[in-house]
């Protein structure tokens, strides 16, 4: 099959890039034709020359800026199927403008007018209260397609250059700041801690603001102001070589327990030992023998201390967790979700 995946800026350093790369690896390794649709591409020419069977996009102002929905509808009428990722129906947080889809009448209008897609998906669960109302209001079902690990990129490889007691790979996002300040920063006084990511300094955050503007306006120089600080070929080595790899979610994820990040899977797929903050929904997918979760601050520090003092106790978690992820939670698994939905439309 032929898969067209919209990612307006391949220069982004945030989650969208890693999710794109995960799908790219899975589709291509399974023998499918796959290409990105970026802000630099002519939509009509790409559709006519590539002739995609599936077009994957997201329903937001940034992606829509580079799309002609009427043109896409003509291709949909000729057999192409448009899979559209949506935001939660209800607002999870009013901070940073993260309002729910129910508060975006212009986007709802596009869905009702059959312009926004054929299939709508998110990594939230079917019974999640934050999705309650989507189907009734729009008339479309909603599908759950979780994030995952890229088994072509994440695998065990120890490298002494990345060895440490504790590692954290992630950007310093506003919705993680309070947790990081209380649960990550103090660890540096007692253990060897390696932190990788962007936005950890004021200057870098300013560059990031300018870069995002350049990406939105598609200005070549500005949209590539920053790059990923940890090379992609080294990320799995960090997880493989750390005694503990910490996973920290955004505030609303801990508060509501509805969804969890891609890093949950990546650490485990790399043969890393993960200690994760408390996101309730994780226990649906990982048992207490597969993933260590700290439910509060006291548990966070106690479990870190215990496993650093008893590193041999990590092995059963690593083995069982890796078996679970590699069998059920790779992007190769997720593309089968796409194909199942595609063939049952």
Protein backbone atom coordinates (compact mmCIF):
# COMPACT_ATOMS: atom_id res chain seq x y z
CA UNK A 1 0.00 0.00 0.00
CA UNK A 2 0.98 3.65 -0.36
CA UNK A 3 0.99 5.81 2.78
CA UNK A 4 1.20 9.61 2.79
CA UNK A 5 1.93 11.10 6.24
CA UNK A 6 1.62 14.80 6.92
CA UNK A 7 4.34 16.35 9.06
CA UNK A 8 4.62 20.03 8.07
CA UNK A 9 8.15 20.44 9.42
CA UNK A 10 10.61 17.57 9.54
CA UNK A 11 12.81 19.94 11.54
CA UNK A 12 10.61 19.74 14.65
CA UNK A 13 12.35 18.42 17.75
CA UNK A 14 9.18 17.43 19.56
CA UNK A 15 7.10 14.25 19.78
CA UNK A 16 5.55 14.59 16.31
CA UNK A 17 8.92 13.83 14.70
CA UNK A 18 9.53 10.64 16.66
CA UNK A 19 6.01 9.37 16.04
CA UNK A 20 6.46 10.03 12.33
CA UNK A 21 9.78 8.16 12.31
CA UNK A 22 8.20 5.23 14.12
CA UNK A 23 5.48 4.88 11.52
CA UNK A 24 7.98 5.39 8.71
CA UNK A 25 10.12 2.50 9.96
CA UNK A 26 7.17 0.16 10.38
CA UNK A 27 5.46 0.85 7.05
CA UNK A 28 8.70 0.67 5.07
CA UNK A 29 9.99 -2.47 6.75
CA UNK A 30 6.67 -4.16 5.98
CA UNK A 31 7.17 -3.30 2.32
CA UNK A 32 4.78 -0.36 1.91
CA UNK A 33 5.54 2.87 0.05
CA UNK A 34 5.73 5.72 2.54
CA UNK A 35 6.50 9.41 2.20
CA UNK A 36 5.98 12.60 4.22
CA UNK A 37 3.87 15.54 3.16
CA UNK A 38 5.66 18.68 4.37
CA UNK A 39 5.06 22.40 4.07
CA UNK A 40 7.42 22.40 1.09
CA UNK A 41 5.33 19.96 -0.95
CA UNK A 42 2.68 20.83 -3.49
CA UNK A 43 -0.38 18.92 -2.30
CA UNK A 44 -1.99 18.34 -5.71
CA UNK A 45 1.24 17.20 -7.33
CA UNK A 46 2.01 14.88 -4.41
CA UNK A 47 -1.44 13.31 -4.47
CA UNK A 48 -1.40 12.84 -8.23
CA UNK A 49 2.14 11.46 -8.42
CA UNK A 50 2.16 9.34 -5.27
CA UNK A 51 -1.48 8.15 -5.38
CA UNK A 52 -1.77 7.27 -1.69
CA UNK A 53 -4.16 4.65 -0.38
CA UNK A 54 -3.98 6.14 3.12
CA UNK A 55 -3.36 9.75 4.11
CA UNK A 56 -2.53 10.36 7.78
CA UNK A 57 -2.89 13.85 9.24
CA UNK A 58 -3.95 15.78 12.36
CA UNK A 59 -6.87 18.13 12.85
CA UNK A 60 -5.22 21.35 13.99
CA UNK A 61 -4.59 24.82 12.65
CA UNK A 62 -0.94 24.11 11.80
CA UNK A 63 -1.62 21.06 9.64
CA UNK A 64 -4.71 22.59 8.05
CA UNK A 65 -2.66 25.60 6.97
CA UNK A 66 -0.99 23.41 4.34
CA UNK A 67 -4.03 21.41 3.21
CA UNK A 68 -6.80 21.88 0.66
CA UNK A 69 -9.63 19.84 2.15
CA UNK A 70 -11.80 20.13 -0.95
CA UNK A 71 -9.00 18.69 -3.07
CA UNK A 72 -8.45 15.91 -0.56
CA UNK A 73 -12.15 15.10 -0.65
CA UNK A 74 -11.95 14.45 -4.39
CA UNK A 75 -9.18 11.93 -3.83
CA UNK A 76 -11.16 10.38 -0.97
CA UNK A 77 -14.10 9.94 -3.33
CA UNK A 78 -11.75 8.00 -5.61
CA UNK A 79 -10.70 5.59 -2.88
CA UNK A 80 -8.07 7.27 -0.73
CA UNK A 81 -8.82 7.05 2.99
CA UNK A 82 -7.95 9.93 5.28
CA UNK A 83 -6.99 9.07 8.88
CA UNK A 84 -7.15 12.13 11.12
CA UNK A 85 -5.73 12.38 14.61
CA UNK A 86 -7.91 14.53 16.83
CA UNK A 87 -7.46 16.18 20.20
CA UNK A 88 -9.56 15.15 23.24
CA UNK A 89 -13.22 16.14 22.91
CA UNK A 90 -13.32 17.79 26.31
CA UNK A 91 -10.74 20.19 27.70
CA UNK A 92 -8.12 18.52 29.88
CA UNK A 93 -6.35 21.74 30.84
CA UNK A 94 -7.01 25.40 30.15
CA UNK A 95 -3.31 26.19 30.34
CA UNK A 96 -1.33 26.97 27.20
CA UNK A 97 -4.46 27.08 25.03
CA UNK A 98 -5.02 23.31 25.12
CA UNK A 99 -8.80 23.41 24.73
CA UNK A 100 -10.86 20.39 23.77
CA UNK A 101 -12.29 19.79 20.31
CA UNK A 102 -15.80 20.48 21.60
CA UNK A 103 -14.74 24.12 22.05
CA UNK A 104 -13.54 24.44 18.44
CA UNK A 105 -16.68 25.00 16.34
CA UNK A 106 -14.74 25.55 13.12
CA UNK A 107 -13.10 22.13 13.40
CA UNK A 108 -16.38 20.44 14.31
CA UNK A 109 -17.92 22.03 11.22
CA UNK A 110 -15.21 20.48 9.02
CA UNK A 111 -15.94 17.05 10.47
CA UNK A 112 -19.71 17.35 10.00
CA UNK A 113 -19.24 18.55 6.43
CA UNK A 114 -17.20 15.42 5.64
CA UNK A 115 -14.06 17.45 4.96
CA UNK A 116 -11.88 16.52 7.91
CA UNK A 117 -11.42 12.81 7.21
CA UNK A 118 -12.82 9.30 7.02
CA UNK A 119 -11.37 7.93 10.25
CA UNK A 120 -10.73 9.81 13.50
CA UNK A 121 -8.30 8.51 16.09
CA UNK A 122 -6.41 9.35 19.25
CA UNK A 123 -4.42 7.39 21.82
CA UNK A 124 -7.14 7.93 24.41
CA UNK A 125 -9.34 4.95 25.29
CA UNK A 126 -12.82 4.38 23.91
CA UNK A 127 -14.41 4.87 27.32
CA UNK A 128 -12.29 7.85 28.29
CA UNK A 129 -14.53 10.61 29.71
CA UNK A 130 -12.56 13.22 27.76
CA UNK A 131 -13.83 11.68 24.52
CA UNK A 132 -17.43 11.44 25.69
CA UNK A 133 -19.64 13.36 23.25
CA UNK A 134 -17.47 13.15 20.13
CA UNK A 135 -19.46 10.45 18.36
CA UNK A 136 -22.85 11.83 19.36
CA UNK A 137 -22.00 15.35 18.16
CA UNK A 138 -20.12 14.53 14.96
CA UNK A 139 -21.75 11.28 13.90
CA UNK A 140 -18.35 9.60 13.47
CA UNK A 141 -16.84 6.81 15.58
CA UNK A 142 -13.54 7.40 17.31
CA UNK A 143 -10.67 4.87 17.26
CA UNK A 144 -7.91 4.26 19.78
CA UNK A 145 -4.42 3.84 18.31
CA UNK A 146 -1.75 3.96 21.01
CA UNK A 147 1.77 5.29 20.71
CA UNK A 148 4.51 2.66 20.54
CA UNK A 149 8.21 1.85 20.16
CA UNK A 150 10.13 1.73 16.90
CA UNK A 151 11.66 -1.75 17.00
CA UNK A 152 14.02 -0.78 14.17
CA UNK A 153 15.50 2.03 16.27
CA UNK A 154 15.07 0.93 19.88
CA UNK A 155 16.88 -2.20 20.98
CA UNK A 156 19.46 -3.14 23.59
CA UNK A 157 22.98 -1.77 23.06
CA UNK A 158 25.16 -0.99 26.04
CA UNK A 159 27.61 1.89 25.65
CA UNK A 160 29.90 2.85 28.53
CA UNK A 161 29.92 6.46 27.27
CA UNK A 162 26.29 6.76 28.37
CA UNK A 163 26.57 4.81 31.63
CA UNK A 164 25.12 6.58 34.67
CA UNK A 165 22.91 6.01 37.70
CA UNK A 166 19.94 7.92 36.29
CA UNK A 167 19.04 9.33 32.89
CA UNK A 168 16.19 11.44 31.65
CA UNK A 169 15.55 12.07 27.97
CA UNK A 170 13.01 14.79 27.30
CA UNK A 171 12.40 18.46 26.76
CA UNK A 172 11.79 20.84 29.65
CA UNK A 173 8.12 21.51 28.96
CA UNK A 174 6.03 23.97 31.01
CA UNK A 175 3.56 21.22 31.93
CA UNK A 176 6.38 19.17 33.44
CA UNK A 177 8.26 21.95 35.22
CA UNK A 178 6.83 21.52 38.72
CA UNK A 179 7.36 17.76 38.73
CA UNK A 180 10.88 18.04 37.32
CA UNK A 181 11.87 20.65 39.89
CA UNK A 182 10.65 18.43 42.73
CA UNK A 183 11.49 14.94 41.48
CA UNK A 184 14.40 15.18 39.04
CA UNK A 185 16.60 18.15 39.90
CA UNK A 186 17.26 17.10 43.54
CA UNK A 187 18.57 13.71 42.37
CA UNK A 188 21.67 15.39 40.96
CA UNK A 189 22.93 16.01 44.51
CA UNK A 190 23.16 12.28 45.27
CA UNK A 191 23.54 10.36 41.99
CA UNK A 192 25.17 10.65 38.59
CA UNK A 193 22.34 12.03 36.47
CA UNK A 194 22.44 12.61 32.72
CA UNK A 195 19.73 14.79 31.19
CA UNK A 196 19.19 15.13 27.44
CA UNK A 197 16.79 17.43 25.62
CA UNK A 198 15.93 20.99 24.68
CA UNK A 199 14.32 23.93 26.51
CA UNK A 200 16.48 23.47 29.61
CA UNK A 201 17.83 27.04 29.45
CA UNK A 202 16.10 30.36 28.94
CA UNK A 203 18.10 31.07 25.79
CA UNK A 204 17.19 27.70 24.30
CA UNK A 205 13.50 28.32 25.02
CA UNK A 206 13.71 31.67 23.22
CA UNK A 207 15.29 29.94 20.22
CA UNK A 208 12.49 27.41 20.38
CA UNK A 209 9.84 30.11 20.26
CA UNK A 210 11.48 31.64 17.18
CA UNK A 211 11.89 28.22 15.60
CA UNK A 212 8.20 27.37 16.05
CA UNK A 213 7.30 30.65 14.36
CA UNK A 214 9.63 29.79 11.50
CA UNK A 215 8.03 26.37 11.13
CA UNK A 216 4.53 27.80 11.10
CA UNK A 217 5.51 30.36 8.47
CA UNK A 218 7.78 27.84 6.69
CA UNK A 219 10.88 30.05 6.78
CA UNK A 220 13.84 27.74 6.01
CA UNK A 221 16.53 29.32 8.21
CA UNK A 222 14.31 29.87 11.23
CA UNK A 223 12.60 26.48 11.21
CA UNK A 224 15.91 24.68 11.68
CA UNK A 225 17.42 26.90 14.38
CA UNK A 226 17.61 23.98 16.78
CA UNK A 227 18.27 20.29 16.30
CA UNK A 228 17.83 17.26 18.52
CA UNK A 229 20.53 17.43 21.21
CA UNK A 230 20.76 13.63 21.55
CA UNK A 231 21.38 11.99 18.16
CA UNK A 232 18.66 9.49 17.27
CA UNK A 233 21.18 6.67 16.90
CA UNK A 234 22.27 7.25 20.52
CA UNK A 235 18.94 7.52 22.31
CA UNK A 236 18.49 3.78 22.79
CA UNK A 237 22.07 3.56 24.09
CA UNK A 238 21.18 5.95 26.90
CA UNK A 239 18.29 3.73 27.98
CA UNK A 240 20.35 0.56 27.63
CA UNK A 241 23.27 1.94 29.62
CA UNK A 242 21.57 3.71 32.54
CA UNK A 243 20.81 1.92 35.79
CA UNK A 244 17.49 3.78 35.81
CA UNK A 245 15.77 5.70 33.02
CA UNK A 246 13.10 8.02 34.37
CA UNK A 247 9.86 8.70 32.56
CA UNK A 248 7.99 11.91 33.36
CA UNK A 249 4.58 12.85 31.95
CA UNK A 250 2.75 16.13 31.63
CA UNK A 251 0.64 17.33 34.54
CA UNK A 252 -2.74 16.53 32.97
CA UNK A 253 -1.61 12.98 32.17
CA UNK A 254 -0.83 12.32 35.83
CA UNK A 255 -3.99 14.08 36.97
CA UNK A 256 -6.43 12.23 34.75
CA UNK A 257 -4.48 9.06 33.90
CA UNK A 258 -5.90 9.04 30.39
CA UNK A 259 -2.89 8.75 28.12
CA UNK A 260 0.84 8.18 28.30
CA UNK A 261 3.86 9.09 26.25
CA UNK A 262 5.92 7.27 23.65
CA UNK A 263 8.92 7.16 25.98
CA UNK A 264 7.07 4.60 28.11
CA UNK A 265 7.60 2.09 25.31
CA UNK A 266 10.99 3.31 24.05
CA UNK A 267 12.83 2.81 27.33
CA UNK A 268 11.55 -0.73 27.73
CA UNK A 269 12.17 -1.67 24.08
CA UNK A 270 15.81 -0.63 24.58
CA UNK A 271 16.25 -3.08 27.43
CA UNK A 272 16.26 -0.17 29.84
CA UNK A 273 14.96 -0.17 33.39
CA UNK A 274 12.17 2.37 33.70
CA UNK A 275 10.73 4.11 36.73
CA UNK A 276 7.66 6.05 35.72
CA UNK A 277 5.50 8.65 37.41
CA UNK A 278 1.93 7.64 38.20
CA UNK A 279 -0.39 7.62 35.19
CA UNK A 280 -3.38 5.45 36.04
CA UNK A 281 -4.00 4.15 32.53
CA UNK A 282 -0.59 2.46 32.37
CA UNK A 283 -1.73 -0.44 34.53
CA UNK A 284 -4.13 -1.53 31.81
CA UNK A 285 -1.11 -2.36 29.63
CA UNK A 286 1.71 -3.13 32.06
CA UNK A 287 1.62 -5.30 35.16
CA UNK A 288 3.56 -4.57 38.34
CA UNK A 289 6.11 -7.14 37.14
CA UNK A 290 6.70 -5.31 33.83
CA UNK A 291 6.87 -1.63 34.79
CA UNK A 292 7.79 0.14 38.02
CA UNK A 293 5.47 3.05 38.76
CA UNK A 294 5.93 5.47 41.65
CA UNK A 295 2.54 6.60 42.89
CA UNK A 296 3.79 9.51 44.99
CA UNK A 297 6.91 11.47 45.85
CA UNK A 298 7.95 9.15 48.70
CA UNK A 299 7.70 6.08 46.45
CA UNK A 300 9.61 7.90 43.71
CA UNK A 301 12.68 8.43 45.89
CA UNK A 302 12.38 5.10 47.70
CA UNK A 303 12.23 3.07 44.49
CA UNK A 304 15.10 4.96 42.90
CA UNK A 305 17.22 4.35 45.97
CA UNK A 306 16.27 0.67 46.20
CA UNK A 307 17.10 -0.22 42.62
CA UNK A 308 20.36 1.72 42.57
CA UNK A 309 21.43 -0.18 45.67
CA UNK A 310 20.11 -3.47 44.26
CA UNK A 311 20.71 -3.32 40.49
CA UNK A 312 20.25 -7.08 40.08
CA UNK A 313 16.58 -6.65 41.06
CA UNK A 314 15.99 -4.78 37.81
CA UNK A 315 16.50 -7.80 35.55
CA UNK A 316 13.04 -9.45 35.84
CA UNK A 317 11.33 -6.14 35.05
CA UNK A 318 13.58 -5.53 32.07
CA UNK A 319 13.00 -9.01 30.62
CA UNK A 320 9.24 -9.12 31.13
CA UNK A 321 8.72 -5.52 30.05
CA UNK A 322 10.76 -5.92 26.89
CA UNK A 323 8.84 -9.08 25.97
CA UNK A 324 5.53 -7.23 26.37
CA UNK A 325 6.55 -4.18 24.33
CA UNK A 326 8.17 -6.09 21.48
CA UNK A 327 5.16 -8.38 21.12
CA UNK A 328 2.33 -5.86 21.57
CA UNK A 329 3.52 -2.26 21.50
CA UNK A 330 5.65 -1.52 18.45
CA UNK A 331 4.71 0.66 15.49
CA UNK A 332 4.53 -2.57 13.51
CA UNK A 333 1.60 -3.45 15.77
CA UNK A 334 0.03 -0.03 15.28
CA UNK A 335 0.07 -0.11 11.48
CA UNK A 336 -1.97 -3.29 11.71
CA UNK A 337 -4.58 -1.19 13.54
CA UNK A 338 -4.62 1.19 10.57
CA UNK A 339 -4.99 -1.65 8.09
CA UNK A 340 -7.76 -3.32 10.10
CA UNK A 341 -9.76 -0.09 10.16
CA UNK A 342 -9.00 0.57 6.49
CA UNK A 343 -10.28 -2.83 5.37
CA UNK A 344 -13.41 -2.55 7.51
CA UNK A 345 -14.62 0.88 6.41
